N, C-alpha and C. Protein backbone atom coordinates (compact mmCIF):
# COMPACT_ATOMS: atom_id res chain seq x y z
N UNK A 1 -20.74 -13.91 -8.89
CA UNK A 1 -20.10 -14.26 -7.65
C UNK A 1 -20.85 -15.43 -7.03
N UNK A 2 -20.12 -16.23 -6.31
CA UNK A 2 -20.73 -17.48 -5.92
C UNK A 2 -20.17 -18.02 -4.62
N UNK A 3 -21.08 -18.45 -3.77
CA UNK A 3 -20.67 -19.13 -2.55
C UNK A 3 -20.01 -20.46 -2.92
N UNK A 4 -20.51 -21.12 -3.95
CA UNK A 4 -19.91 -22.38 -4.40
C UNK A 4 -18.45 -22.15 -4.82
N UNK A 5 -18.18 -21.06 -5.51
CA UNK A 5 -16.82 -20.73 -5.91
C UNK A 5 -15.94 -20.50 -4.68
N UNK A 6 -16.49 -19.85 -3.66
CA UNK A 6 -15.74 -19.64 -2.41
C UNK A 6 -15.40 -20.98 -1.76
N UNK A 7 -16.35 -21.91 -1.77
CA UNK A 7 -16.10 -23.24 -1.20
C UNK A 7 -14.99 -23.95 -1.96
N UNK A 8 -15.04 -23.89 -3.29
CA UNK A 8 -14.01 -24.54 -4.11
C UNK A 8 -12.64 -23.91 -3.87
N UNK A 9 -12.62 -22.59 -3.71
CA UNK A 9 -11.37 -21.89 -3.42
C UNK A 9 -10.78 -22.37 -2.10
N UNK A 10 -11.62 -22.48 -1.09
CA UNK A 10 -11.16 -22.94 0.22
C UNK A 10 -10.54 -24.32 0.11
N UNK A 11 -11.19 -25.20 -0.62
CA UNK A 11 -10.64 -26.54 -0.81
C UNK A 11 -9.29 -26.49 -1.51
N UNK A 12 -9.16 -25.64 -2.52
CA UNK A 12 -7.90 -25.54 -3.25
C UNK A 12 -6.80 -24.99 -2.34
N UNK A 13 -7.11 -23.99 -1.55
CA UNK A 13 -6.13 -23.43 -0.61
C UNK A 13 -5.66 -24.51 0.36
N UNK A 14 -6.59 -25.34 0.81
CA UNK A 14 -6.26 -26.38 1.79
C UNK A 14 -5.47 -27.53 1.19
N UNK A 15 -5.67 -27.81 -0.10
CA UNK A 15 -5.08 -29.00 -0.70
C UNK A 15 -3.93 -28.73 -1.67
N UNK A 16 -3.77 -27.51 -2.12
CA UNK A 16 -2.74 -27.18 -3.11
C UNK A 16 -1.78 -26.16 -2.52
N UNK A 17 -0.71 -26.67 -1.95
CA UNK A 17 0.26 -25.82 -1.26
C UNK A 17 0.87 -24.76 -2.18
N UNK A 18 1.16 -25.14 -3.42
CA UNK A 18 1.76 -24.20 -4.38
C UNK A 18 0.79 -23.06 -4.70
N UNK A 19 -0.47 -23.39 -4.91
CA UNK A 19 -1.49 -22.36 -5.17
C UNK A 19 -1.61 -21.43 -3.97
N UNK A 20 -1.68 -22.00 -2.77
CA UNK A 20 -1.79 -21.20 -1.56
C UNK A 20 -0.60 -20.25 -1.42
N UNK A 21 0.58 -20.72 -1.75
CA UNK A 21 1.78 -19.89 -1.68
C UNK A 21 1.70 -18.73 -2.67
N UNK A 22 1.23 -19.02 -3.90
CA UNK A 22 1.10 -17.96 -4.91
C UNK A 22 0.10 -16.90 -4.47
N UNK A 23 -1.00 -17.34 -3.88
CA UNK A 23 -2.01 -16.39 -3.41
C UNK A 23 -1.40 -15.52 -2.31
N UNK A 24 -0.75 -16.16 -1.36
CA UNK A 24 -0.18 -15.43 -0.22
C UNK A 24 0.93 -14.46 -0.64
N UNK A 25 1.65 -14.77 -1.71
CA UNK A 25 2.75 -13.93 -2.16
C UNK A 25 2.33 -12.72 -2.96
N UNK A 26 1.04 -12.57 -3.25
CA UNK A 26 0.57 -11.36 -3.93
C UNK A 26 0.83 -10.16 -3.03
N UNK A 27 1.10 -9.01 -3.63
CA UNK A 27 1.57 -7.86 -2.86
C UNK A 27 0.54 -7.26 -1.92
N UNK A 28 -0.75 -7.37 -2.24
CA UNK A 28 -1.78 -6.83 -1.36
C UNK A 28 -3.11 -7.54 -1.64
N UNK A 29 -4.14 -7.17 -0.89
CA UNK A 29 -5.44 -7.84 -1.01
C UNK A 29 -6.03 -7.69 -2.41
N UNK A 30 -5.86 -6.54 -3.00
CA UNK A 30 -6.39 -6.32 -4.36
C UNK A 30 -5.70 -7.24 -5.37
N UNK A 31 -4.39 -7.35 -5.28
CA UNK A 31 -3.65 -8.24 -6.17
C UNK A 31 -4.05 -9.69 -5.95
N UNK A 32 -4.30 -10.05 -4.68
CA UNK A 32 -4.74 -11.41 -4.38
C UNK A 32 -6.07 -11.72 -5.06
N UNK A 33 -7.02 -10.80 -4.96
CA UNK A 33 -8.32 -11.04 -5.55
C UNK A 33 -8.22 -11.12 -7.08
N UNK A 34 -7.36 -10.32 -7.68
CA UNK A 34 -7.16 -10.40 -9.13
C UNK A 34 -6.61 -11.79 -9.48
N UNK A 35 -5.59 -12.24 -8.76
CA UNK A 35 -5.02 -13.56 -9.02
C UNK A 35 -6.05 -14.66 -8.83
N UNK A 36 -6.83 -14.57 -7.76
CA UNK A 36 -7.85 -15.58 -7.47
C UNK A 36 -8.87 -15.63 -8.61
N UNK A 37 -9.31 -14.48 -9.07
CA UNK A 37 -10.29 -14.45 -10.17
C UNK A 37 -9.68 -14.96 -11.47
N UNK A 38 -8.42 -14.63 -11.72
CA UNK A 38 -7.74 -15.13 -12.91
C UNK A 38 -7.55 -16.64 -12.84
N UNK A 39 -7.58 -17.18 -11.63
CA UNK A 39 -7.45 -18.63 -11.44
C UNK A 39 -8.78 -19.35 -11.55
N UNK A 40 -9.84 -18.60 -11.86
CA UNK A 40 -11.13 -19.23 -12.11
C UNK A 40 -12.13 -19.17 -10.97
N UNK A 41 -11.82 -18.45 -9.92
CA UNK A 41 -12.73 -18.33 -8.79
C UNK A 41 -13.40 -16.96 -8.83
N UNK A 42 -14.68 -16.93 -8.46
CA UNK A 42 -15.42 -15.67 -8.50
C UNK A 42 -16.31 -15.57 -7.27
N UNK A 43 -15.81 -14.86 -6.26
CA UNK A 43 -16.56 -14.68 -5.02
C UNK A 43 -16.17 -13.34 -4.42
N UNK A 44 -16.99 -12.87 -3.50
CA UNK A 44 -16.71 -11.62 -2.81
C UNK A 44 -16.06 -11.91 -1.46
N UNK A 45 -15.50 -10.90 -0.85
CA UNK A 45 -14.94 -11.04 0.49
C UNK A 45 -16.05 -11.48 1.45
N UNK A 46 -17.25 -10.95 1.28
CA UNK A 46 -18.37 -11.33 2.14
C UNK A 46 -18.67 -12.82 2.02
N UNK A 47 -18.60 -13.34 0.80
CA UNK A 47 -18.86 -14.77 0.61
C UNK A 47 -17.78 -15.62 1.27
N UNK A 48 -16.54 -15.20 1.18
CA UNK A 48 -15.47 -15.98 1.80
C UNK A 48 -15.56 -15.87 3.33
N UNK A 49 -16.02 -14.73 3.84
CA UNK A 49 -16.19 -14.57 5.28
C UNK A 49 -17.17 -15.61 5.84
N UNK A 50 -18.13 -16.02 5.03
CA UNK A 50 -19.11 -17.01 5.47
C UNK A 50 -18.43 -18.31 5.86
N UNK A 51 -17.25 -18.55 5.33
CA UNK A 51 -16.51 -19.78 5.60
C UNK A 51 -15.27 -19.53 6.45
N UNK A 52 -15.20 -18.39 7.08
CA UNK A 52 -14.03 -18.01 7.86
C UNK A 52 -13.66 -19.08 8.87
N UNK A 53 -14.63 -19.72 9.49
CA UNK A 53 -14.35 -20.75 10.48
C UNK A 53 -13.68 -21.98 9.90
N UNK A 54 -13.79 -22.17 8.58
CA UNK A 54 -13.20 -23.33 7.92
C UNK A 54 -11.75 -23.10 7.52
N UNK A 55 -11.28 -21.88 7.62
CA UNK A 55 -9.92 -21.55 7.21
C UNK A 55 -9.03 -21.31 8.42
N UNK A 56 -7.78 -21.72 8.30
CA UNK A 56 -6.81 -21.35 9.33
C UNK A 56 -6.49 -19.87 9.14
N UNK A 57 -5.84 -19.26 10.12
CA UNK A 57 -5.46 -17.86 9.98
C UNK A 57 -4.58 -17.65 8.76
N UNK A 58 -3.63 -18.56 8.52
CA UNK A 58 -2.75 -18.43 7.36
C UNK A 58 -3.53 -18.51 6.06
N UNK A 59 -4.49 -19.44 5.98
CA UNK A 59 -5.29 -19.58 4.77
C UNK A 59 -6.14 -18.33 4.54
N UNK A 60 -6.70 -17.80 5.62
CA UNK A 60 -7.50 -16.59 5.51
C UNK A 60 -6.63 -15.41 5.10
N UNK A 61 -5.45 -15.32 5.69
CA UNK A 61 -4.51 -14.26 5.29
C UNK A 61 -4.21 -14.33 3.80
N UNK A 62 -4.10 -15.53 3.29
CA UNK A 62 -3.74 -15.71 1.88
C UNK A 62 -4.75 -15.06 0.95
N UNK A 63 -6.01 -15.12 1.27
CA UNK A 63 -7.01 -14.53 0.38
C UNK A 63 -7.35 -13.11 0.78
N UNK A 64 -7.41 -12.83 2.06
CA UNK A 64 -7.96 -11.56 2.50
C UNK A 64 -6.91 -10.49 2.81
N UNK A 65 -5.67 -10.87 2.87
CA UNK A 65 -4.64 -9.89 3.16
C UNK A 65 -4.39 -9.73 4.65
N UNK A 66 -4.92 -10.62 5.45
CA UNK A 66 -4.64 -10.64 6.87
C UNK A 66 -5.72 -9.99 7.69
N UNK A 67 -5.51 -10.02 8.98
CA UNK A 67 -6.39 -9.35 9.91
C UNK A 67 -7.80 -9.90 9.99
N UNK A 68 -7.95 -11.18 9.97
CA UNK A 68 -9.25 -11.82 10.11
C UNK A 68 -10.24 -11.29 9.07
N UNK A 69 -9.77 -11.13 7.86
CA UNK A 69 -10.62 -10.78 6.72
C UNK A 69 -11.20 -9.38 6.83
N UNK A 70 -10.44 -8.44 7.33
CA UNK A 70 -10.89 -7.07 7.41
C UNK A 70 -10.27 -6.30 6.26
N UNK A 71 -10.73 -6.60 5.05
CA UNK A 71 -10.18 -6.01 3.83
C UNK A 71 -10.94 -4.75 3.48
N UNK A 72 -10.23 -3.70 3.21
CA UNK A 72 -10.86 -2.47 2.76
C UNK A 72 -11.07 -2.51 1.26
N UNK A 73 -12.14 -1.88 0.84
CA UNK A 73 -12.34 -1.75 -0.59
C UNK A 73 -13.14 -2.83 -1.13
């Protein structure tokens, strides 16, 4: 797991609308994290929280499943 991977993910979410849409369309937070990891990113929710201020609410919802990154599990 890597903070650098979290940073790269944030950049991809911000710059690749199609990727962001695919992430957001996953059925739940667990499915989102599976998709994200299959896309080559490896970070924890805690690592992405470190960059919460850099994400819009929609971008954060896309990875965390909503609610300001309050993901269970």
